[in-house]
Structures are given as structure tokens and as C-alpha cells.
């Protein structure tokens, strides 16, 4: 993006922070606690 429009809607708006990219990779490559409560072993939210 060489336009200088920081939040360019047509180009996807906000680029993500490195911490966000790393979080996506951690969650995407396997299973996660999306809807699972580790303390009770039951369905979470």
C-alpha cells in the first residue's frame, strides 16, 4: 500500500500486529479452548 491511506478499506483496513499474527498461528494449527472449559471439562463459551 503506497497510497498513504492508512485504513484503506479496499486494501483490508488494519494490518495486524505481530502478536496477533502469532496468536492466529497458535490457534489455527491445532485444537483450542474455543468453547471448552478446562477447569470443569465441560462446554464453555
ModelCIF file with pLDDT and N, C-alpha, C, O atoms, coordinates in Angstrom:
data_MODEL
#
_entry.id   MODEL 
#
_entity.id                         1 
_entity.type                       polymer 
_entity.pdbx_number_of_molecules   1 
#
_entity_poly.entity_id                      1 
_entity_poly.type                           'polypeptide(L)' 
_entity_poly.nstd_linkage                   no 
_entity_poly.nstd_monomer                   no 
_entity_poly.pdbx_seq_one_letter_code       
;(UNK)(UNK)(UNK)(UNK)(UNK)(UNK)(UNK)(UNK)(UNK)(UNK)(UNK)(UNK)(UNK)(UNK)(UNK)(UNK)
(UNK)(UNK)(UNK)(UNK)(UNK)(UNK)(UNK)(UNK)(UNK)(UNK)(UNK)(UNK)(UNK)(UNK)(UNK)(UNK)
(UNK)(UNK)(UNK)(UNK)(UNK)(UNK)(UNK)(UNK)(UNK)(UNK)(UNK)(UNK)(UNK)
;
_entity_poly.pdbx_seq_one_letter_code_can   XXXXXXXXXXXXXXXXXXXXXXXXXXXXXXXXXXXXXXXXXXXXX 
_entity_poly.pdbx_strand_id                 A 
#
loop_
_entity_poly_seq.entity_id 
_entity_poly_seq.num 
_entity_poly_seq.mon_id 
_entity_poly_seq.hetero 
1 1  UNK n 
1 2  UNK n 
1 3  UNK n 
1 4  UNK n 
1 5  UNK n 
1 6  UNK n 
1 7  UNK n 
1 8  UNK n 
1 9  UNK n 
1 10 UNK n 
1 11 UNK n 
1 12 UNK n 
1 13 UNK n 
1 14 UNK n 
1 15 UNK n 
1 16 UNK n 
1 17 UNK n 
1 18 UNK n 
1 19 UNK n 
1 20 UNK n 
1 21 UNK n 
1 22 UNK n 
1 23 UNK n 
1 24 UNK n 
1 25 UNK n 
1 26 UNK n 
1 27 UNK n 
1 28 UNK n 
1 29 UNK n 
1 30 UNK n 
1 31 UNK n 
1 32 UNK n 
1 33 UNK n 
1 34 UNK n 
1 35 UNK n 
1 36 UNK n 
1 37 UNK n 
1 38 UNK n 
1 39 UNK n 
1 40 UNK n 
1 41 UNK n 
1 42 UNK n 
1 43 UNK n 
1 44 UNK n 
1 45 UNK n 
#
_struct_asym.id          A 
_struct_asym.entity_id   1 
#
loop_
_ma_qa_metric.id 
_ma_qa_metric.mode 
_ma_qa_metric.name 
_ma_qa_metric.software_group_id 
_ma_qa_metric.type 
1 global pLDDT . pLDDT 
2 local  pLDDT . pLDDT 
#
_ma_qa_metric_global.metric_id      1 
_ma_qa_metric_global.metric_value   94.56 
_ma_qa_metric_global.model_id       1 
_ma_qa_metric_global.ordinal_id     1 
#
loop_
_ma_qa_metric_local.label_asym_id 
_ma_qa_metric_local.label_comp_id 
_ma_qa_metric_local.label_seq_id 
_ma_qa_metric_local.metric_id 
_ma_qa_metric_local.metric_value 
_ma_qa_metric_local.model_id 
_ma_qa_metric_local.ordinal_id 
A UNK 1  2 97.00 1 1  
A UNK 2  2 97.00 1 2  
A UNK 3  2 97.00 1 3  
A UNK 4  2 96.00 1 4  
A UNK 5  2 95.00 1 5  
A UNK 6  2 96.00 1 6  
A UNK 7  2 94.00 1 7  
A UNK 8  2 94.00 1 8  
A UNK 9  2 90.00 1 9  
A UNK 10 2 92.00 1 10 
A UNK 11 2 95.00 1 11 
A UNK 12 2 93.00 1 12 
A UNK 13 2 93.00 1 13 
A UNK 14 2 95.00 1 14 
A UNK 15 2 96.00 1 15 
A UNK 16 2 98.00 1 16 
A UNK 17 2 98.00 1 17 
A UNK 18 2 98.00 1 18 
A UNK 19 2 98.00 1 19 
A UNK 20 2 98.00 1 20 
A UNK 21 2 98.00 1 21 
A UNK 22 2 98.00 1 22 
A UNK 23 2 97.00 1 23 
A UNK 24 2 98.00 1 24 
A UNK 25 2 97.00 1 25 
A UNK 26 2 96.00 1 26 
A UNK 27 2 96.00 1 27 
A UNK 28 2 96.00 1 28 
A UNK 29 2 95.00 1 29 
A UNK 30 2 94.00 1 30 
A UNK 31 2 95.00 1 31 
A UNK 32 2 94.00 1 32 
A UNK 33 2 93.00 1 33 
A UNK 34 2 93.00 1 34 
A UNK 35 2 92.00 1 35 
A UNK 36 2 92.00 1 36 
A UNK 37 2 91.00 1 37 
A UNK 38 2 92.00 1 38 
A UNK 39 2 90.00 1 39 
A UNK 40 2 93.00 1 40 
A UNK 41 2 93.00 1 41 
A UNK 42 2 92.00 1 42 
A UNK 43 2 92.00 1 43 
A UNK 44 2 89.00 1 44 
A UNK 45 2 89.00 1 45 
#
loop_
_atom_site.group_PDB 
_atom_site.id 
_atom_site.type_symbol 
_atom_site.label_atom_id 
_atom_site.label_alt_id 
_atom_site.label_comp_id 
_atom_site.label_asym_id 
_atom_site.label_entity_id 
_atom_site.label_seq_id 
_atom_site.pdbx_PDB_ins_code 
_atom_site.Cartn_x 
_atom_site.Cartn_y 
_atom_site.Cartn_z 
_atom_site.occupancy 
_atom_site.B_iso_or_equiv 
_atom_site.pdbx_formal_charge 
_atom_site.auth_seq_id 
_atom_site.auth_comp_id 
_atom_site.auth_asym_id 
_atom_site.auth_atom_id 
_atom_site.pdbx_PDB_model_num 
ATOM 1   N N  . UNK A 1 1  ? 0.849   -1.187  0.000  1.00 97.00 ? 1  UNK A N  1 
ATOM 2   C CA . UNK A 1 1  ? 0.000   0.000   0.000  1.00 97.00 ? 1  UNK A CA 1 
ATOM 3   C C  . UNK A 1 1  ? 0.886   1.239   0.000  1.00 97.00 ? 1  UNK A C  1 
ATOM 4   O O  . UNK A 1 1  ? 1.434   1.616   1.036  1.00 97.00 ? 1  UNK A O  1 
ATOM 5   N N  . UNK A 1 2  ? 1.024   1.862   -1.145 1.00 97.00 ? 2  UNK A N  1 
ATOM 6   C CA . UNK A 1 2  ? 1.842   3.073   -1.267 1.00 97.00 ? 2  UNK A CA 1 
ATOM 7   C C  . UNK A 1 2  ? 0.988   4.326   -1.360 1.00 97.00 ? 2  UNK A C  1 
ATOM 8   O O  . UNK A 1 2  ? 1.488   5.394   -1.713 1.00 97.00 ? 2  UNK A O  1 
ATOM 9   N N  . UNK A 1 3  ? -0.300  4.203   -1.047 1.00 97.00 ? 3  UNK A N  1 
ATOM 10  C CA . UNK A 1 3  ? -1.213  5.334   -1.201 1.00 97.00 ? 3  UNK A CA 1 
ATOM 11  C C  . UNK A 1 3  ? -1.116  6.341   -0.065 1.00 97.00 ? 3  UNK A C  1 
ATOM 12  O O  . UNK A 1 3  ? -1.464  7.508   -0.243 1.00 97.00 ? 3  UNK A O  1 
ATOM 13  N N  . UNK A 1 4  ? -0.648  5.905   1.101  1.00 96.00 ? 4  UNK A N  1 
ATOM 14  C CA . UNK A 1 4  ? -0.654  6.775   2.265  1.00 96.00 ? 4  UNK A CA 1 
ATOM 15  C C  . UNK A 1 4  ? -1.990  6.807   2.980  1.00 96.00 ? 4  UNK A C  1 
ATOM 16  O O  . UNK A 1 4  ? -2.135  7.518   3.975  1.00 96.00 ? 4  UNK A O  1 
ATOM 17  N N  . UNK A 1 5  ? -2.985  6.047   2.493  1.00 95.00 ? 5  UNK A N  1 
ATOM 18  C CA . UNK A 1 5  ? -4.262  5.904   3.193  1.00 95.00 ? 5  UNK A CA 1 
ATOM 19  C C  . UNK A 1 5  ? -4.087  4.775   4.203  1.00 95.00 ? 5  UNK A C  1 
ATOM 20  O O  . UNK A 1 5  ? -4.005  3.603   3.835  1.00 95.00 ? 5  UNK A O  1 
ATOM 21  N N  . UNK A 1 6  ? -4.030  5.143   5.471  1.00 96.00 ? 6  UNK A N  1 
ATOM 22  C CA . UNK A 1 6  ? -3.655  4.171   6.498  1.00 96.00 ? 6  UNK A CA 1 
ATOM 23  C C  . UNK A 1 6  ? -4.711  3.085   6.652  1.00 96.00 ? 6  UNK A C  1 
ATOM 24  O O  . UNK A 1 6  ? -4.389  1.897   6.609  1.00 96.00 ? 6  UNK A O  1 
ATOM 25  N N  . UNK A 1 7  ? -5.965  3.478   6.832  1.00 94.00 ? 7  UNK A N  1 
ATOM 26  C CA . UNK A 1 7  ? -7.056  2.499   6.943  1.00 94.00 ? 7  UNK A CA 1 
ATOM 27  C C  . UNK A 1 7  ? -7.746  2.398   5.583  1.00 94.00 ? 7  UNK A C  1 
ATOM 28  O O  . UNK A 1 7  ? -8.841  2.927   5.395  1.00 94.00 ? 7  UNK A O  1 
ATOM 29  N N  . UNK A 1 8  ? -7.105  1.724   4.651  1.00 94.00 ? 8  UNK A N  1 
ATOM 30  C CA . UNK A 1 8  ? -7.619  1.623   3.281  1.00 94.00 ? 8  UNK A CA 1 
ATOM 31  C C  . UNK A 1 8  ? -8.607  0.467   3.228  1.00 94.00 ? 8  UNK A C  1 
ATOM 32  O O  . UNK A 1 8  ? -8.207  -0.697  3.227  1.00 94.00 ? 8  UNK A O  1 
ATOM 33  N N  . UNK A 1 9  ? -9.908  0.790   3.185  1.00 90.00 ? 9  UNK A N  1 
ATOM 34  C CA . UNK A 1 9  ? -10.946 -0.243  3.232  1.00 90.00 ? 9  UNK A CA 1 
ATOM 35  C C  . UNK A 1 9  ? -10.782 -1.258  2.106  1.00 90.00 ? 9  UNK A C  1 
ATOM 36  O O  . UNK A 1 9  ? -10.927 -2.459  2.334  1.00 90.00 ? 9  UNK A O  1 
ATOM 37  N N  . UNK A 1 10 ? -10.481 -0.795  0.897  1.00 92.00 ? 10 UNK A N  1 
ATOM 38  C CA . UNK A 1 10 ? -10.359 -1.708  -0.238 1.00 92.00 ? 10 UNK A CA 1 
ATOM 39  C C  . UNK A 1 10 ? -9.134  -2.603  -0.138 1.00 92.00 ? 10 UNK A C  1 
ATOM 40  O O  . UNK A 1 10 ? -9.068  -3.647  -0.787 1.00 92.00 ? 10 UNK A O  1 
ATOM 41  N N  . UNK A 1 11 ? -8.171  -2.201  0.666  1.00 95.00 ? 11 UNK A N  1 
ATOM 42  C CA . UNK A 1 11 ? -6.948  -2.998  0.831  1.00 95.00 ? 11 UNK A CA 1 
ATOM 43  C C  . UNK A 1 11 ? -6.926  -3.736  2.168  1.00 95.00 ? 11 UNK A C  1 
ATOM 44  O O  . UNK A 1 11 ? -5.868  -4.186  2.608  1.00 95.00 ? 11 UNK A O  1 
ATOM 45  N N  . UNK A 1 12 ? -8.090  -3.862  2.819  1.00 93.00 ? 12 UNK A N  1 
ATOM 46  C CA . UNK A 1 12 ? -8.161  -4.710  4.005  1.00 93.00 ? 12 UNK A CA 1 
ATOM 47  C C  . UNK A 1 12 ? -8.066  -3.994  5.333  1.00 93.00 ? 12 UNK A C  1 
ATOM 48  O O  . UNK A 1 12 ? -7.969  -4.640  6.376  1.00 93.00 ? 12 UNK A O  1 
ATOM 49  N N  . UNK A 1 13 ? -8.091  -2.668  5.316  1.00 93.00 ? 13 UNK A N  1 
ATOM 50  C CA . UNK A 1 13 ? -8.021  -1.882  6.550  1.00 93.00 ? 13 UNK A CA 1 
ATOM 51  C C  . UNK A 1 13 ? -6.787  -2.223  7.374  1.00 93.00 ? 13 UNK A C  1 
ATOM 52  O O  . UNK A 1 13 ? -5.679  -2.212  6.839  1.00 93.00 ? 13 UNK A O  1 
ATOM 53  N N  . UNK A 1 14 ? -6.945  -2.527  8.669  1.00 95.00 ? 14 UNK A N  1 
ATOM 54  C CA . UNK A 1 14 ? -5.800  -2.568  9.583  1.00 95.00 ? 14 UNK A CA 1 
ATOM 55  C C  . UNK A 1 14 ? -4.910  -3.794  9.397  1.00 95.00 ? 14 UNK A C  1 
ATOM 56  O O  . UNK A 1 14 ? -5.383  -4.921  9.543  1.00 95.00 ? 14 UNK A O  1 
ATOM 57  N N  . UNK A 1 15 ? -3.631  -3.595  9.079  1.00 96.00 ? 15 UNK A N  1 
ATOM 58  C CA . UNK A 1 15 ? -2.684  -4.711  9.153  1.00 96.00 ? 15 UNK A CA 1 
ATOM 59  C C  . UNK A 1 15 ? -2.550  -5.134  10.613 1.00 96.00 ? 15 UNK A C  1 
ATOM 60  O O  . UNK A 1 15 ? -2.615  -4.293  11.510 1.00 96.00 ? 15 UNK A O  1 
ATOM 61  N N  . UNK A 1 16 ? -2.366  -6.408  10.851 1.00 98.00 ? 16 UNK A N  1 
ATOM 62  C CA . UNK A 1 16 ? -2.333  -6.906  12.223 1.00 98.00 ? 16 UNK A CA 1 
ATOM 63  C C  . UNK A 1 16 ? -0.948  -6.807  12.843 1.00 98.00 ? 16 UNK A C  1 
ATOM 64  O O  . UNK A 1 16 ? 0.068   -6.865  12.151 1.00 98.00 ? 16 UNK A O  1 
ATOM 65  N N  . UNK A 1 17 ? -0.931  -6.657  14.164 1.00 98.00 ? 17 UNK A N  1 
ATOM 66  C CA . UNK A 1 17 ? 0.314   -6.636  14.914 1.00 98.00 ? 17 UNK A CA 1 
ATOM 67  C C  . UNK A 1 17 ? 0.943   -8.027  14.899 1.00 98.00 ? 17 UNK A C  1 
ATOM 68  O O  . UNK A 1 17 ? 0.256   -9.031  14.711 1.00 98.00 ? 17 UNK A O  1 
ATOM 69  N N  . UNK A 1 18 ? 2.252   -8.068  15.097 1.00 98.00 ? 18 UNK A N  1 
ATOM 70  C CA . UNK A 1 18 ? 2.942   -9.366  15.105 1.00 98.00 ? 18 UNK A CA 1 
ATOM 71  C C  . UNK A 1 18 ? 2.349   -10.293 16.166 1.00 98.00 ? 18 UNK A C  1 
ATOM 72  O O  . UNK A 1 18 ? 2.217   -11.495 15.934 1.00 98.00 ? 18 UNK A O  1 
ATOM 73  N N  . UNK A 1 19 ? 1.993   -9.743  17.322 1.00 98.00 ? 19 UNK A N  1 
ATOM 74  C CA . UNK A 1 19 ? 1.411   -10.564 18.385 1.00 98.00 ? 19 UNK A CA 1 
ATOM 75  C C  . UNK A 1 19 ? 0.103   -11.192 17.928 1.00 98.00 ? 19 UNK A C  1 
ATOM 76  O O  . UNK A 1 19 ? -0.197  -12.329 18.292 1.00 98.00 ? 19 UNK A O  1 
ATOM 77  N N  . UNK A 1 20 ? -0.680  -10.466 17.136 1.00 98.00 ? 20 UNK A N  1 
ATOM 78  C CA . UNK A 1 20 ? -1.936  -11.009 16.624 1.00 98.00 ? 20 UNK A CA 1 
ATOM 79  C C  . UNK A 1 20 ? -1.684  -12.124 15.617 1.00 98.00 ? 20 UNK A C  1 
ATOM 80  O O  . UNK A 1 20 ? -2.385  -13.135 15.614 1.00 98.00 ? 20 UNK A O  1 
ATOM 81  N N  . UNK A 1 21 ? -0.682  -11.938 14.763 1.00 98.00 ? 21 UNK A N  1 
ATOM 82  C CA . UNK A 1 21 ? -0.347  -12.982 13.784 1.00 98.00 ? 21 UNK A CA 1 
ATOM 83  C C  . UNK A 1 21 ? 0.126   -14.256 14.474 1.00 98.00 ? 21 UNK A C  1 
ATOM 84  O O  . UNK A 1 21 ? -0.224  -15.364 14.067 1.00 98.00 ? 21 UNK A O  1 
ATOM 85  N N  . UNK A 1 22 ? 0.912   -14.084 15.507 1.00 98.00 ? 22 UNK A N  1 
ATOM 86  C CA . UNK A 1 22 ? 1.400   -15.246 16.254 1.00 98.00 ? 22 UNK A CA 1 
ATOM 87  C C  . UNK A 1 22 ? 0.255   -15.958 16.964 1.00 98.00 ? 22 UNK A C  1 
ATOM 88  O O  . UNK A 1 22 ? 0.243   -17.186 17.052 1.00 98.00 ? 22 UNK A O  1 
ATOM 89  N N  . UNK A 1 23 ? -0.708  -15.186 17.471 1.00 97.00 ? 23 UNK A N  1 
ATOM 90  C CA . UNK A 1 23 ? -1.858  -15.779 18.135 1.00 97.00 ? 23 UNK A CA 1 
ATOM 91  C C  . UNK A 1 23 ? -2.706  -16.584 17.156 1.00 97.00 ? 23 UNK A C  1 
ATOM 92  O O  . UNK A 1 23 ? -3.206  -17.657 17.493 1.00 97.00 ? 23 UNK A O  1 
ATOM 93  N N  . UNK A 1 24 ? -2.864  -16.060 15.942 1.00 98.00 ? 24 UNK A N  1 
ATOM 94  C CA . UNK A 1 24 ? -3.621  -16.783 14.910 1.00 98.00 ? 24 UNK A CA 1 
ATOM 95  C C  . UNK A 1 24 ? -2.935  -18.109 14.591 1.00 98.00 ? 24 UNK A C  1 
ATOM 96  O O  . UNK A 1 24 ? -3.588  -19.149 14.503 1.00 98.00 ? 24 UNK A O  1 
ATOM 97  N N  . UNK A 1 25 ? -1.612  -18.066 14.419 1.00 97.00 ? 25 UNK A N  1 
ATOM 98  C CA . UNK A 1 25 ? -0.870  -19.279 14.080 1.00 97.00 ? 25 UNK A CA 1 
ATOM 99  C C  . UNK A 1 25 ? -1.002  -20.331 15.178 1.00 97.00 ? 25 UNK A C  1 
ATOM 100 O O  . UNK A 1 25 ? -1.170  -21.516 14.892 1.00 97.00 ? 25 UNK A O  1 
ATOM 101 N N  . UNK A 1 26 ? -0.924  -19.892 16.443 1.00 96.00 ? 26 UNK A N  1 
ATOM 102 C CA . UNK A 1 26 ? -1.019  -20.846 17.556 1.00 96.00 ? 26 UNK A CA 1 
ATOM 103 C C  . UNK A 1 26 ? -2.378  -21.542 17.565 1.00 96.00 ? 26 UNK A C  1 
ATOM 104 O O  . UNK A 1 26 ? -2.466  -22.752 17.774 1.00 96.00 ? 26 UNK A O  1 
ATOM 105 N N  . UNK A 1 27 ? -3.425  -20.770 17.337 1.00 96.00 ? 27 UNK A N  1 
ATOM 106 C CA . UNK A 1 27 ? -4.769  -21.326 17.416 1.00 96.00 ? 27 UNK A CA 1 
ATOM 107 C C  . UNK A 1 27 ? -5.132  -22.109 16.156 1.00 96.00 ? 27 UNK A C  1 
ATOM 108 O O  . UNK A 1 27 ? -5.850  -23.106 16.235 1.00 96.00 ? 27 UNK A O  1 
ATOM 109 N N  . UNK A 1 28 ? -4.644  -21.670 14.997 1.00 96.00 ? 28 UNK A N  1 
ATOM 110 C CA . UNK A 1 28 ? -5.047  -22.276 13.725 1.00 96.00 ? 28 UNK A CA 1 
ATOM 111 C C  . UNK A 1 28 ? -4.416  -23.637 13.486 1.00 96.00 ? 28 UNK A C  1 
ATOM 112 O O  . UNK A 1 28 ? -4.995  -24.469 12.787 1.00 96.00 ? 28 UNK A O  1 
ATOM 113 N N  . UNK A 1 29 ? -3.237  -23.881 14.053 1.00 95.00 ? 29 UNK A N  1 
ATOM 114 C CA . UNK A 1 29 ? -2.515  -25.103 13.691 1.00 95.00 ? 29 UNK A CA 1 
ATOM 115 C C  . UNK A 1 29 ? -2.967  -26.340 14.460 1.00 95.00 ? 29 UNK A C  1 
ATOM 116 O O  . UNK A 1 29 ? -2.458  -27.435 14.221 1.00 95.00 ? 29 UNK A O  1 
ATOM 117 N N  . UNK A 1 30 ? -3.904  -26.181 15.370 1.00 94.00 ? 30 UNK A N  1 
ATOM 118 C CA . UNK A 1 30 ? -4.388  -27.346 16.118 1.00 94.00 ? 30 UNK A CA 1 
ATOM 119 C C  . UNK A 1 30 ? -5.730  -27.061 16.754 1.00 94.00 ? 30 UNK A C  1 
ATOM 120 O O  . UNK A 1 30 ? -6.478  -26.201 16.288 1.00 94.00 ? 30 UNK A O  1 
ATOM 121 N N  . UNK A 1 31 ? -6.033  -27.777 17.809 1.00 95.00 ? 31 UNK A N  1 
ATOM 122 C CA . UNK A 1 31 ? -7.268  -27.568 18.536 1.00 95.00 ? 31 UNK A CA 1 
ATOM 123 C C  . UNK A 1 31 ? -7.081  -26.467 19.571 1.00 95.00 ? 31 UNK A C  1 
ATOM 124 O O  . UNK A 1 31 ? -5.955  -26.088 19.895 1.00 95.00 ? 31 UNK A O  1 
ATOM 125 N N  . UNK A 1 32 ? -8.199  -25.958 20.085 1.00 94.00 ? 32 UNK A N  1 
ATOM 126 C CA . UNK A 1 32 ? -8.121  -24.850 21.033 1.00 94.00 ? 32 UNK A CA 1 
ATOM 127 C C  . UNK A 1 32 ? -9.283  -24.914 22.024 1.00 94.00 ? 32 UNK A C  1 
ATOM 128 O O  . UNK A 1 32 ? -10.180 -25.748 21.900 1.00 94.00 ? 32 UNK A O  1 
ATOM 129 N N  . UNK A 1 33 ? -9.246  -24.030 22.991 1.00 93.00 ? 33 UNK A N  1 
ATOM 130 C CA . UNK A 1 33 ? -10.302 -23.968 24.010 1.00 93.00 ? 33 UNK A CA 1 
ATOM 131 C C  . UNK A 1 33 ? -11.406 -23.008 23.582 1.00 93.00 ? 33 UNK A C  1 
ATOM 132 O O  . UNK A 1 33 ? -11.918 -22.246 24.402 1.00 93.00 ? 33 UNK A O  1 
ATOM 133 N N  . UNK A 1 34 ? -11.774 -23.041 22.309 1.00 93.00 ? 34 UNK A N  1 
ATOM 134 C CA . UNK A 1 34 ? -12.763 -22.105 21.787 1.00 93.00 ? 34 UNK A CA 1 
ATOM 135 C C  . UNK A 1 34 ? -14.054 -22.138 22.605 1.00 93.00 ? 34 UNK A C  1 
ATOM 136 O O  . UNK A 1 34 ? -14.558 -21.098 23.027 1.00 93.00 ? 34 UNK A O  1 
ATOM 137 N N  . UNK A 1 35 ? -14.577 -23.332 22.823 1.00 92.00 ? 35 UNK A N  1 
ATOM 138 C CA . UNK A 1 35 ? -15.791 -23.484 23.619 1.00 92.00 ? 35 UNK A CA 1 
ATOM 139 C C  . UNK A 1 35 ? -15.624 -24.647 24.590 1.00 92.00 ? 35 UNK A C  1 
ATOM 140 O O  . UNK A 1 35 ? -16.473 -25.534 24.669 1.00 92.00 ? 35 UNK A O  1 
ATOM 141 N N  . UNK A 1 36 ? -14.506 -24.628 25.334 1.00 92.00 ? 36 UNK A N  1 
ATOM 142 C CA . UNK A 1 36 ? -14.230 -25.705 26.278 1.00 92.00 ? 36 UNK A CA 1 
ATOM 143 C C  . UNK A 1 36 ? -13.635 -25.115 27.544 1.00 92.00 ? 36 UNK A C  1 
ATOM 144 O O  . UNK A 1 36 ? -12.698 -24.318 27.493 1.00 92.00 ? 36 UNK A O  1 
ATOM 145 N N  . UNK A 1 37 ? -14.191 -25.514 28.683 1.00 91.00 ? 37 UNK A N  1 
ATOM 146 C CA . UNK A 1 37 ? -13.735 -25.038 29.991 1.00 91.00 ? 37 UNK A CA 1 
ATOM 147 C C  . UNK A 1 37 ? -12.776 -26.065 30.572 1.00 91.00 ? 37 UNK A C  1 
ATOM 148 O O  . UNK A 1 37 ? -13.182 -27.173 30.921 1.00 91.00 ? 37 UNK A O  1 
ATOM 149 N N  . UNK A 1 38 ? -11.518 -25.704 30.673 1.00 92.00 ? 38 UNK A N  1 
ATOM 150 C CA . UNK A 1 38 ? -10.504 -26.640 31.166 1.00 92.00 ? 38 UNK A CA 1 
ATOM 151 C C  . UNK A 1 38 ? -10.721 -26.993 32.631 1.00 92.00 ? 38 UNK A C  1 
ATOM 152 O O  . UNK A 1 38 ? -10.418 -28.114 33.040 1.00 92.00 ? 38 UNK A O  1 
ATOM 153 N N  . UNK A 1 39 ? -11.234 -26.069 33.428 1.00 90.00 ? 39 UNK A N  1 
ATOM 154 C CA . UNK A 1 39 ? -11.434 -26.330 34.857 1.00 90.00 ? 39 UNK A CA 1 
ATOM 155 C C  . UNK A 1 39 ? -12.505 -27.378 35.098 1.00 90.00 ? 39 UNK A C  1 
ATOM 156 O O  . UNK A 1 39 ? -12.333 -28.251 35.949 1.00 90.00 ? 39 UNK A O  1 
ATOM 157 N N  . UNK A 1 40 ? -13.597 -27.306 34.369 1.00 93.00 ? 40 UNK A N  1 
ATOM 158 C CA . UNK A 1 40 ? -14.706 -28.229 34.596 1.00 93.00 ? 40 UNK A CA 1 
ATOM 159 C C  . UNK A 1 40 ? -14.736 -29.391 33.619 1.00 93.00 ? 40 UNK A C  1 
ATOM 160 O O  . UNK A 1 40 ? -15.404 -30.397 33.859 1.00 93.00 ? 40 UNK A O  1 
ATOM 161 N N  . UNK A 1 41 ? -14.004 -29.248 32.507 1.00 93.00 ? 41 UNK A N  1 
ATOM 162 C CA . UNK A 1 41 ? -14.040 -30.287 31.486 1.00 93.00 ? 41 UNK A CA 1 
ATOM 163 C C  . UNK A 1 41 ? -15.345 -30.319 30.726 1.00 93.00 ? 41 UNK A C  1 
ATOM 164 O O  . UNK A 1 41 ? -15.677 -31.321 30.093 1.00 93.00 ? 41 UNK A O  1 
ATOM 165 N N  . UNK A 1 42 ? -16.092 -29.222 30.783 1.00 92.00 ? 42 UNK A N  1 
ATOM 166 C CA . UNK A 1 42 ? -17.377 -29.149 30.095 1.00 92.00 ? 42 UNK A CA 1 
ATOM 167 C C  . UNK A 1 42 ? -17.357 -28.043 29.053 1.00 92.00 ? 42 UNK A C  1 
ATOM 168 O O  . UNK A 1 42 ? -16.368 -27.328 28.895 1.00 92.00 ? 42 UNK A O  1 
ATOM 169 N N  . UNK A 1 43 ? -18.479 -27.923 28.343 1.00 92.00 ? 43 UNK A N  1 
ATOM 170 C CA . UNK A 1 43 ? -18.567 -26.915 27.304 1.00 92.00 ? 43 UNK A CA 1 
ATOM 171 C C  . UNK A 1 43 ? -18.459 -25.510 27.892 1.00 92.00 ? 43 UNK A C  1 
ATOM 172 O O  . UNK A 1 43 ? -19.073 -25.199 28.912 1.00 92.00 ? 43 UNK A O  1 
ATOM 173 N N  . UNK A 1 44 ? -17.663 -24.666 27.226 1.00 89.00 ? 44 UNK A N  1 
ATOM 174 C CA . UNK A 1 44 ? -17.534 -23.279 27.636 1.00 89.00 ? 44 UNK A CA 1 
ATOM 175 C C  . UNK A 1 44 ? -18.180 -22.362 26.616 1.00 89.00 ? 44 UNK A C  1 
ATOM 176 O O  . UNK A 1 44 ? -18.957 -22.808 25.772 1.00 89.00 ? 44 UNK A O  1 
ATOM 177 N N  . UNK A 1 45 ? -17.858 -21.088 26.694 1.00 89.00 ? 45 UNK A N  1 
ATOM 178 C CA . UNK A 1 45 ? -18.438 -20.107 25.773 1.00 89.00 ? 45 UNK A CA 1 
ATOM 179 C C  . UNK A 1 45 ? -17.331 -19.324 25.086 1.00 89.00 ? 45 UNK A C  1 
ATOM 180 O O  . UNK A 1 45 ? -17.611 -18.446 24.269 1.00 89.00 ? 45 UNK A O  1 
#
